[in-house]
Amino acid sequence: IQIDGIDRADGAAIINVGGIKYRIPWSTLEEFPLSRLGKLRSCSNEAEIMDVCDDYDCNRNEYFFDRSPSAFRTIVTFLAAGKLRLLREMCAMSFQEELLYWGVEENNLDWCCLRKLRLRQEEYKEQQRLEEEEAELTTPQSCEESQQPTGACAQEETPTGACMRRLRDMVENPHSGIPGKIFACLSVIFVAITAVTLCVSTMPDLRAEEERGECSQRCFNIFVLETVCVVGSGNNYLEKVGLVLRVLRALRIFYVMRLARHSLGLQTLGLTVRRCTREFGLLLLFLCVAMALYSPLVFLAESEMGAKQEFTSIPGSYWWAVISMTTVGYGDMVPRSIPGQVVALSSILSGILLMAFPVTSIFHTFSRSYVELKEEQSRAARQKPDSQDSTKSQNSDDSQETDSYHGITEAAASSQPAPVEGQ
């Protein structure tokens, strides 16, 4: 078959990718008409062929592509055998670009490779989002973004805007300078004081005065205000208000979560929790299934043969099952009979095994997240001096341009003839 000088009589196309030649039958390419190689089959002239490939040799019927040979090797395997897998020696995002170039859908990947690719895509998007947020916090709006010269940008930034920008950097970015570090230290101190105060306020020694019913003179005004509120409102309303205040009081402990902004370990913990939602769900599933299995067994064993009835019901045995499988062992509920002790031993051993499987994956995710955040902090620390040096060099260039402009102006003024008096 020959179409406009394109010889297809041999029934196969020679694909040259990065210097490596592959001989692929046209019948194989017909099965994938939407791919880049499948489009070669429908080309009718050299102009259409050049739109698909980088070069074409009509004498040898050879098509040239300047792409990765290792990635194309997996594409050829997919065309021939229908198996598509990721490459260990190649970045997952680069392999995704190769799939996009060759017109092969990502859904053709095996489920394990597809899951790994989806995970890398989520990590890449998260990394891009963090870098954009870091860039917005550390660098002001540049003159290139506003499409205006440097002098116009300097004139447009009002003192109020500059003050607000410095204030935002101080509050949001502790690494912006000394004020940011001072604010971060004060924030950590106040959070720690709040948490310690909330914990100390629940100690029995400090609540002895309240338990004895005594009152100091400092509470007199509060009691007067309470009396006025009782007169003007109903008791039910005050009880609801008191409940809301107690709930808000308990929520003060969540101020400790603000420490995550200044702690690499807490950031790693939060990132690990977000990435391991499936593992945590699997761990909870294992725990629930084992709890539903061992609770009826221990209840049956103790109710039939136990001398002391500590397991009053199957729902009441759920607590014992959870405590036993997590190897905590409070000792508030203990099986006394031999069958009950056998069930307890089985629950402890199964709990150790069931919890070990997801914990291994969570541990590896935690280690990988810690390394990523550590590298991100190191990269941000390296980029900060570079940005400062570029800003200084830009300011020096602007000052030199301004000095040259003033020099030219003064020279032009001195070259003008002086006015003659008396004319």
Protein backbone atom coordinates (compact mmCIF):
# COMPACT_ATOMS: atom_id res chain seq x y z
CA ILE A 1 0.00 0.00 0.00
CA GLN A 2 1.40 3.42 -0.94
CA ILE A 3 -0.34 6.70 -0.11
CA ASP A 4 1.23 9.93 -1.45
CA GLY A 5 4.72 8.44 -1.35
CA ILE A 6 4.23 6.70 2.02
CA ASP A 7 5.13 3.04 1.65
CA ARG A 8 3.14 0.70 3.89
CA ALA A 9 3.52 -2.46 1.84
CA ASP A 10 5.63 -4.27 4.46
CA GLY A 11 2.79 -4.11 6.99
CA ALA A 12 4.93 -2.67 9.80
CA ALA A 13 6.21 0.72 10.90
CA ILE A 14 9.74 1.42 12.13
CA ILE A 15 9.53 3.65 15.21
CA ASN A 16 12.80 5.28 16.27
CA VAL A 17 12.59 6.63 19.82
CA GLY A 18 15.78 8.12 21.23
CA GLY A 19 17.97 6.09 18.86
CA ILE A 20 16.27 2.75 19.59
CA LYS A 21 14.26 1.23 16.74
CA TYR A 22 11.05 -0.76 17.14
CA ARG A 23 9.21 -2.61 14.39
CA ILE A 24 5.48 -2.46 15.14
CA PRO A 25 2.83 -3.96 12.83
CA TRP A 26 0.17 -1.60 11.52
CA SER A 27 -2.48 -4.06 12.65
CA THR A 28 -1.39 -3.51 16.26
CA LEU A 29 -1.65 0.26 15.89
CA GLU A 30 -5.16 -0.05 14.46
CA GLU A 31 -6.35 -1.30 17.86
CA PHE A 32 -5.42 2.07 19.44
CA PRO A 33 -6.64 4.71 17.00
CA LEU A 34 -6.63 7.53 19.59
CA SER A 35 -2.98 7.08 20.53
CA ARG A 36 -0.16 8.98 18.84
CA LEU A 37 1.08 5.87 17.09
CA GLY A 38 -2.46 4.99 16.04
CA LYS A 39 -2.77 8.38 14.36
CA LEU A 40 0.17 7.48 12.11
CA ARG A 41 -2.01 4.82 10.53
CA SER A 42 -4.56 7.42 9.44
CA CYS A 43 -2.02 9.90 8.01
CA SER A 44 -2.32 10.33 4.25
CA ASN A 45 0.63 12.65 3.49
CA GLU A 46 3.96 13.76 4.92
CA ALA A 47 2.52 16.99 6.33
CA GLU A 48 0.15 15.07 8.56
CA ILE A 49 2.95 12.72 9.56
CA MET A 50 5.18 15.62 10.63
CA ASP A 51 2.37 16.86 12.87
CA VAL A 52 2.50 13.54 14.73
CA CYS A 53 6.22 12.71 14.86
CA ASP A 54 9.43 14.75 14.98
CA ASP A 55 10.92 13.47 11.72
CA TYR A 56 10.18 10.96 8.97
CA ASP A 57 12.33 9.03 6.50
CA CYS A 58 10.18 8.03 3.55
CA ASN A 59 12.86 5.81 2.01
CA ARG A 60 13.07 3.51 5.04
CA ASN A 61 9.54 4.16 6.29
CA GLU A 62 11.02 5.22 9.64
CA TYR A 63 9.39 7.58 12.14
CA PHE A 64 11.54 9.51 14.63
CA PHE A 65 10.46 10.60 18.11
CA ASP A 66 12.67 12.52 20.51
CA ARG A 67 11.27 11.00 23.71
CA SER A 68 12.39 8.74 26.55
CA PRO A 69 13.27 5.23 25.26
CA SER A 70 12.68 3.57 28.65
CA ALA A 71 9.16 5.00 28.90
CA PHE A 72 8.38 4.01 25.31
CA ARG A 73 9.46 0.46 26.09
CA THR A 74 6.55 0.17 28.51
CA ILE A 75 4.24 1.70 25.88
CA VAL A 76 5.29 -0.98 23.39
CA THR A 77 4.66 -3.67 26.02
CA PHE A 78 1.19 -2.24 26.56
CA LEU A 79 0.46 -2.22 22.82
CA ALA A 80 1.61 -5.81 22.45
CA ALA A 81 0.49 -7.48 25.69
CA GLY A 82 -1.93 -5.01 27.27
CA LYS A 83 0.16 -4.60 30.46
CA LEU A 84 1.10 -1.09 31.56
CA ARG A 85 3.22 -0.50 34.66
CA LEU A 86 5.26 2.32 36.18
CA LEU A 87 9.03 2.44 35.95
CA ARG A 88 11.05 2.39 39.15
CA GLU A 89 13.90 4.38 37.63
CA MET A 90 11.59 7.12 36.33
CA CYS A 91 9.63 9.80 38.15
CA ALA A 92 5.92 9.10 38.28
CA MET A 93 5.06 12.62 37.11
CA SER A 94 7.47 12.32 34.16
CA PHE A 95 5.90 8.99 33.25
CA GLN A 96 2.50 10.66 33.35
CA GLU A 97 3.75 13.23 30.83
CA GLU A 98 4.96 10.40 28.59
CA LEU A 99 1.54 8.74 28.76
CA LEU A 100 -0.07 12.05 27.84
CA TYR A 101 2.29 12.49 24.89
CA TRP A 102 1.71 9.01 23.49
CA GLY A 103 -2.04 9.28 24.00
CA VAL A 104 -2.36 6.40 26.47
CA GLU A 105 -4.88 6.79 29.29
CA GLU A 106 -3.76 6.50 32.91
CA ASN A 107 -6.61 4.10 33.67
CA ASN A 108 -4.81 1.44 31.63
CA LEU A 109 -2.22 1.14 34.41
CA ASP A 110 -2.41 -1.81 36.77
CA TRP A 111 -4.29 -1.00 39.97
CA CYS A 112 -1.15 -0.96 42.14
CA CYS A 113 0.71 1.38 39.76
CA LEU A 114 -2.37 3.55 39.33
CA ARG A 115 -2.69 3.92 43.11
CA LYS A 116 0.98 4.89 43.34
CA LEU A 117 0.54 7.45 40.56
CA ARG A 118 -2.52 8.96 42.25
CA LEU A 119 -0.57 9.22 45.50
CA ARG A 120 2.31 11.00 43.75
CA GLN A 121 -0.14 13.37 42.07
CA GLU A 122 -1.69 14.29 45.42
CA GLU A 123 1.74 14.85 46.94
CA TYR A 124 2.77 17.01 43.97
CA LYS A 125 -0.37 19.14 44.22
CA GLU A 126 0.12 19.51 47.97
CA GLN A 127 3.74 20.53 47.41
CA GLN A 128 2.72 23.11 44.81
CA ARG A 129 0.07 24.52 47.14
CA LEU A 130 2.56 24.85 49.99
CA GLU A 131 5.11 26.52 47.73
CA GLU A 132 2.52 29.00 46.47
CA GLU A 133 1.45 29.83 50.01
CA GLU A 134 5.08 30.20 51.07
CA ALA A 135 5.76 32.48 48.10
CA GLU A 136 2.73 34.64 48.90
CA LEU A 137 3.81 35.00 52.52
CA THR A 138 7.53 35.58 52.00
CA THR A 139 7.59 37.77 48.89
CA PRO A 140 5.48 40.86 48.17
CA GLN A 141 3.76 41.42 44.87
CA SER A 142 6.50 41.92 42.31
CA CYS A 143 6.59 44.47 39.55
CA GLU A 144 6.50 41.73 36.93
CA GLU A 145 3.09 40.54 38.18
CA SER A 146 1.68 44.07 38.03
CA GLN A 147 3.20 44.68 34.56
CA GLN A 148 4.61 48.01 35.70
CA PRO A 149 8.13 49.39 36.05
CA THR A 150 9.96 49.36 39.37
CA GLY A 151 9.48 53.03 40.06
CA ALA A 152 5.72 52.80 39.57
CA CYS A 153 5.53 49.86 41.97
CA ALA A 154 7.45 51.75 44.60
CA GLN A 155 5.16 54.74 44.21
CA GLU A 156 1.94 52.66 44.35
CA GLU A 157 2.82 50.88 47.62
CA THR A 158 1.49 53.20 50.28
CA PRO A 159 2.92 53.30 53.82
CA THR A 160 -0.26 51.65 55.09
CA GLY A 161 0.09 48.81 52.60
CA ALA A 162 3.74 48.31 53.48
CA CYS A 163 2.86 48.26 57.18
CA MET A 164 0.08 45.71 56.60
CA ARG A 165 2.43 43.53 54.55
CA ARG A 166 5.06 43.56 57.30
CA LEU A 167 2.37 42.80 59.87
CA ARG A 168 1.11 39.87 57.81
CA ASP A 169 4.62 38.48 57.41
CA MET A 170 5.22 38.84 61.13
CA VAL A 171 2.02 36.97 62.04
CA GLU A 172 1.98 34.26 59.36
CA ASN A 173 5.67 33.60 58.70
CA PRO A 174 7.96 33.19 61.73
CA HIS A 175 11.02 33.07 59.45
CA SER A 176 10.37 36.52 57.96
CA GLY A 177 12.61 38.26 60.49
CA ILE A 178 13.17 39.07 64.14
CA PRO A 179 9.59 40.44 64.69
CA GLY A 180 8.14 37.22 63.29
CA LYS A 181 10.30 35.09 65.57
CA ILE A 182 9.35 37.21 68.60
CA PHE A 183 5.64 36.92 67.74
CA ALA A 184 5.97 33.16 67.27
CA CYS A 185 7.70 32.81 70.66
CA LEU A 186 4.99 34.89 72.35
CA SER A 187 2.28 32.84 70.65
CA VAL A 188 3.84 29.60 71.86
CA ILE A 189 4.23 31.00 75.39
CA PHE A 190 0.59 32.13 75.58
CA VAL A 191 -0.65 28.81 74.22
CA ALA A 192 1.42 26.95 76.79
CA ILE A 193 0.15 29.22 79.59
CA THR A 194 -3.45 28.62 78.48
CA ALA A 195 -3.01 24.84 78.45
CA VAL A 196 -1.21 24.78 81.81
CA THR A 197 -3.81 27.06 83.40
CA LEU A 198 -6.65 24.87 82.18
CA CYS A 199 -4.97 21.75 83.55
CA VAL A 200 -4.02 23.33 86.89
CA SER A 201 -7.54 24.67 87.39
CA THR A 202 -8.85 21.11 87.63
CA MET A 203 -6.50 20.08 90.47
CA PRO A 204 -8.33 19.20 93.73
CA ASP A 205 -6.02 21.33 95.91
CA LEU A 206 -6.92 24.48 94.03
CA ARG A 207 -10.64 23.65 94.10
CA ALA A 208 -10.78 23.02 97.87
CA GLU A 209 -12.20 26.47 98.55
CA GLU A 210 -15.01 25.90 96.08
CA GLU A 211 -15.82 22.47 97.51
CA ARG A 212 -16.01 23.85 101.10
CA GLY A 213 -18.53 26.43 99.97
CA GLU A 214 -16.35 29.38 100.98
CA CYS A 215 -16.10 32.49 98.90
CA SER A 216 -13.51 35.23 98.77
CA GLN A 217 -14.27 38.90 98.57
CA ARG A 218 -13.20 38.98 94.95
CA CYS A 219 -16.25 36.91 93.96
CA PHE A 220 -18.74 39.31 95.57
CA ASN A 221 -19.34 41.34 92.42
CA ILE A 222 -19.81 38.18 90.38
CA PHE A 223 -22.46 36.94 92.81
CA VAL A 224 -24.29 40.27 92.60
CA LEU A 225 -24.30 40.04 88.82
CA GLU A 226 -25.55 36.46 89.02
CA THR A 227 -28.40 37.52 91.33
CA VAL A 228 -29.48 40.17 88.85
CA CYS A 229 -29.43 37.61 86.05
CA VAL A 230 -31.51 35.18 88.08
CA VAL A 231 -34.13 37.86 88.73
CA GLY A 232 -34.37 38.81 85.06
CA SER A 233 -34.17 35.35 83.51
CA GLY A 234 -35.38 31.82 84.09
CA ASN A 235 -33.34 29.04 85.59
CA ASN A 236 -33.49 26.92 82.45
CA TYR A 237 -31.93 29.66 80.37
CA LEU A 238 -29.11 30.11 82.85
CA GLU A 239 -28.46 26.38 82.89
CA LYS A 240 -28.11 26.38 79.10
CA VAL A 241 -25.77 29.36 79.23
CA GLY A 242 -23.70 27.62 81.88
CA LEU A 243 -23.50 24.50 79.71
CA VAL A 244 -22.29 26.53 76.73
CA LEU A 245 -19.67 28.22 78.88
CA ARG A 246 -18.43 24.87 80.16
CA VAL A 247 -18.16 23.53 76.63
CA LEU A 248 -16.23 26.61 75.51
CA ARG A 249 -14.03 26.24 78.54
CA ALA A 250 -13.18 22.68 77.58
CA LEU A 251 -12.44 23.72 74.00
CA ARG A 252 -9.63 25.98 75.19
CA ILE A 253 -7.31 23.01 75.19
CA PHE A 254 -7.41 23.04 71.37
CA TYR A 255 -5.22 26.13 71.46
CA VAL A 256 -2.38 23.64 71.70
CA MET A 257 -2.95 22.88 68.00
CA ARG A 258 -1.53 26.31 67.20
CA LEU A 259 1.86 24.94 68.14
CA ALA A 260 1.80 22.91 64.91
CA ARG A 261 2.70 26.06 62.96
CA HIS A 262 6.07 26.16 64.71
CA SER A 263 6.80 22.45 65.14
CA LEU A 264 8.07 20.19 62.37
CA GLY A 265 7.04 17.10 64.32
CA LEU A 266 3.42 18.21 64.69
CA GLN A 267 3.27 19.17 61.00
CA THR A 268 4.59 15.72 60.12
CA LEU A 269 1.96 14.13 62.36
CA GLY A 270 -0.87 16.07 60.69
CA LEU A 271 0.40 15.25 57.20
CA THR A 272 0.67 11.57 58.15
CA VAL A 273 -2.91 11.52 59.44
CA ARG A 274 -4.18 13.06 56.17
CA ARG A 275 -2.26 10.56 54.05
CA CYS A 276 -3.12 7.48 56.13
CA THR A 277 -6.89 7.79 56.35
CA ARG A 278 -7.30 4.38 54.68
CA GLU A 279 -4.84 2.75 57.08
CA PHE A 280 -6.63 4.24 60.10
CA GLY A 281 -9.96 3.04 58.72
CA LEU A 282 -8.49 -0.42 58.22
CA LEU A 283 -7.19 -0.42 61.79
CA LEU A 284 -10.60 0.58 63.11
CA LEU A 285 -12.25 -2.13 61.01
CA PHE A 286 -9.93 -4.81 62.40
CA LEU A 287 -10.60 -3.63 65.92
CA CYS A 288 -14.38 -3.63 65.49
CA VAL A 289 -14.48 -7.10 63.92
CA ALA A 290 -12.30 -8.60 66.65
CA MET A 291 -14.32 -6.81 69.33
CA ALA A 292 -17.56 -8.24 67.94
CA LEU A 293 -15.97 -11.71 67.95
CA TYR A 294 -14.37 -11.89 71.40
CA SER A 295 -17.02 -10.05 73.42
CA PRO A 296 -19.71 -12.77 73.02
CA LEU A 297 -17.10 -15.49 73.61
CA VAL A 298 -15.87 -14.09 76.90
CA PHE A 299 -19.41 -13.31 78.03
CA LEU A 300 -20.49 -16.87 77.30
CA ALA A 301 -17.45 -18.37 79.04
CA GLU A 302 -17.81 -16.24 82.16
CA SER A 303 -21.58 -16.51 82.44
CA GLU A 304 -21.46 -20.30 82.26
CA MET A 305 -18.36 -21.10 84.29
CA GLY A 306 -17.27 -17.93 86.05
CA ALA A 307 -17.75 -17.68 89.81
CA LYS A 308 -17.83 -13.87 89.83
CA GLN A 309 -20.12 -12.27 87.28
CA GLU A 310 -18.10 -9.26 86.06
CA PHE A 311 -19.30 -9.53 82.47
CA THR A 312 -22.96 -8.64 82.81
CA SER A 313 -23.75 -8.30 79.09
CA ILE A 314 -22.20 -8.52 75.65
CA PRO A 315 -22.18 -4.70 75.12
CA GLY A 316 -20.54 -4.41 78.54
CA SER A 317 -17.82 -6.79 77.32
CA TYR A 318 -16.93 -4.50 74.41
CA TRP A 319 -14.84 -2.35 76.74
CA TRP A 320 -12.90 -5.37 77.95
CA ALA A 321 -12.27 -6.55 74.37
CA VAL A 322 -10.88 -3.18 73.26
CA ILE A 323 -8.65 -2.85 76.33
CA SER A 324 -7.33 -6.41 75.90
CA MET A 325 -6.62 -6.20 72.15
CA THR A 326 -4.79 -2.89 72.56
CA THR A 327 -2.74 -4.51 75.39
CA VAL A 328 -3.68 -1.76 77.85
CA GLY A 329 -5.23 -3.97 80.53
CA TYR A 330 -6.82 -1.75 83.16
CA GLY A 331 -7.84 -4.75 85.26
CA ASP A 332 -11.36 -3.52 85.99
CA MET A 333 -12.85 -6.57 84.22
CA VAL A 334 -10.92 -9.84 84.50
CA PRO A 335 -12.01 -13.32 83.30
CA ARG A 336 -11.85 -15.83 86.16
CA SER A 337 -12.61 -19.12 84.42
CA ILE A 338 -10.16 -21.10 82.32
CA PRO A 339 -12.19 -20.77 79.07
CA GLY A 340 -12.46 -17.03 79.68
CA GLN A 341 -8.70 -16.78 80.15
CA VAL A 342 -8.15 -18.71 76.92
CA VAL A 343 -10.40 -16.24 75.11
CA ALA A 344 -8.48 -13.36 76.72
CA LEU A 345 -5.15 -14.79 75.57
CA SER A 346 -6.49 -15.20 72.03
CA SER A 347 -7.79 -11.63 71.97
CA ILE A 348 -4.44 -10.25 73.15
CA LEU A 349 -2.43 -12.18 70.54
CA SER A 350 -4.83 -11.31 67.72
CA GLY A 351 -4.83 -7.66 68.78
CA ILE A 352 -1.04 -7.50 68.55
CA LEU A 353 -1.06 -9.05 65.08
CA LEU A 354 -3.98 -7.05 63.71
CA MET A 355 -2.59 -3.71 64.88
CA ALA A 356 0.89 -4.45 63.53
CA PHE A 357 -0.17 -4.58 59.88
CA PRO A 358 -1.50 -1.01 59.41
CA VAL A 359 1.02 0.49 61.85
CA THR A 360 3.90 -0.53 59.56
CA SER A 361 2.43 1.42 56.65
CA ILE A 362 1.69 4.39 58.91
CA PHE A 363 5.29 4.37 60.14
CA HIS A 364 6.71 4.44 56.61
CA THR A 365 4.34 7.27 55.69
CA PHE A 366 5.44 9.22 58.76
CA SER A 367 9.12 8.78 57.87
CA ARG A 368 8.55 9.85 54.26
CA SER A 369 6.49 12.88 55.34
CA TYR A 370 9.18 13.95 57.80
CA VAL A 371 11.87 13.78 55.12
CA GLU A 372 9.71 15.78 52.68
CA LEU A 373 8.96 18.54 55.20
CA LYS A 374 12.62 18.65 56.23
CA GLU A 375 13.71 19.08 52.62
CA GLU A 376 11.04 21.74 52.10
CA GLN A 377 12.31 23.75 55.07
CA SER A 378 15.89 23.45 53.83
CA ARG A 379 14.87 24.58 50.35
CA ALA A 380 12.94 27.54 51.77
CA ALA A 381 15.95 28.50 53.89
CA ARG A 382 18.18 28.40 50.80
CA GLN A 383 15.75 30.39 48.67
CA LYS A 384 15.41 33.19 51.22
CA PRO A 385 19.04 34.48 50.96
CA ASP A 386 18.84 34.23 47.16
CA SER A 387 15.68 36.36 47.10
CA GLN A 388 17.27 38.90 49.42
CA ASP A 389 20.37 39.10 47.22
CA SER A 390 18.25 39.56 44.10
CA THR A 391 16.24 42.30 45.83
CA LYS A 392 19.42 44.08 46.88
CA SER A 393 20.88 43.85 43.38
CA GLN A 394 17.62 45.15 41.90
CA ASN A 395 17.61 48.07 44.34
CA SER A 396 21.24 48.87 43.52
CA ASP A 397 20.45 48.81 39.78
CA ASP A 398 17.49 51.13 40.37
CA SER A 399 19.66 53.51 42.37
CA GLN A 400 22.30 53.50 39.63
CA GLU A 401 19.66 54.27 37.02
CA THR A 402 18.32 57.08 39.18
CA ASP A 403 21.81 58.54 39.69
CA SER A 404 22.51 58.39 35.97
CA TYR A 405 19.18 60.05 35.26
CA HIS A 406 19.98 62.89 37.69
CA GLY A 407 23.45 63.22 36.17
CA ILE A 408 22.02 63.57 32.67
CA THR A 409 19.49 66.13 33.91
CA GLU A 410 22.17 68.20 35.61
CA ALA A 411 24.39 68.07 32.54
CA ALA A 412 21.52 69.20 30.33
CA ALA A 413 20.75 72.06 32.69
CA SER A 414 24.37 73.24 32.76
CA SER A 415 24.61 73.17 28.96
CA GLN A 416 21.72 75.66 28.56
CA PRO A 417 22.82 79.35 28.07
CA ALA A 418 22.45 81.57 31.12
CA PRO A 419 20.03 84.50 30.83
CA VAL A 420 21.67 87.91 30.12
CA GLU A 421 20.70 90.66 32.53
CA GLY A 422 19.52 93.98 31.20
CA GLN A 423 17.88 92.65 28.07
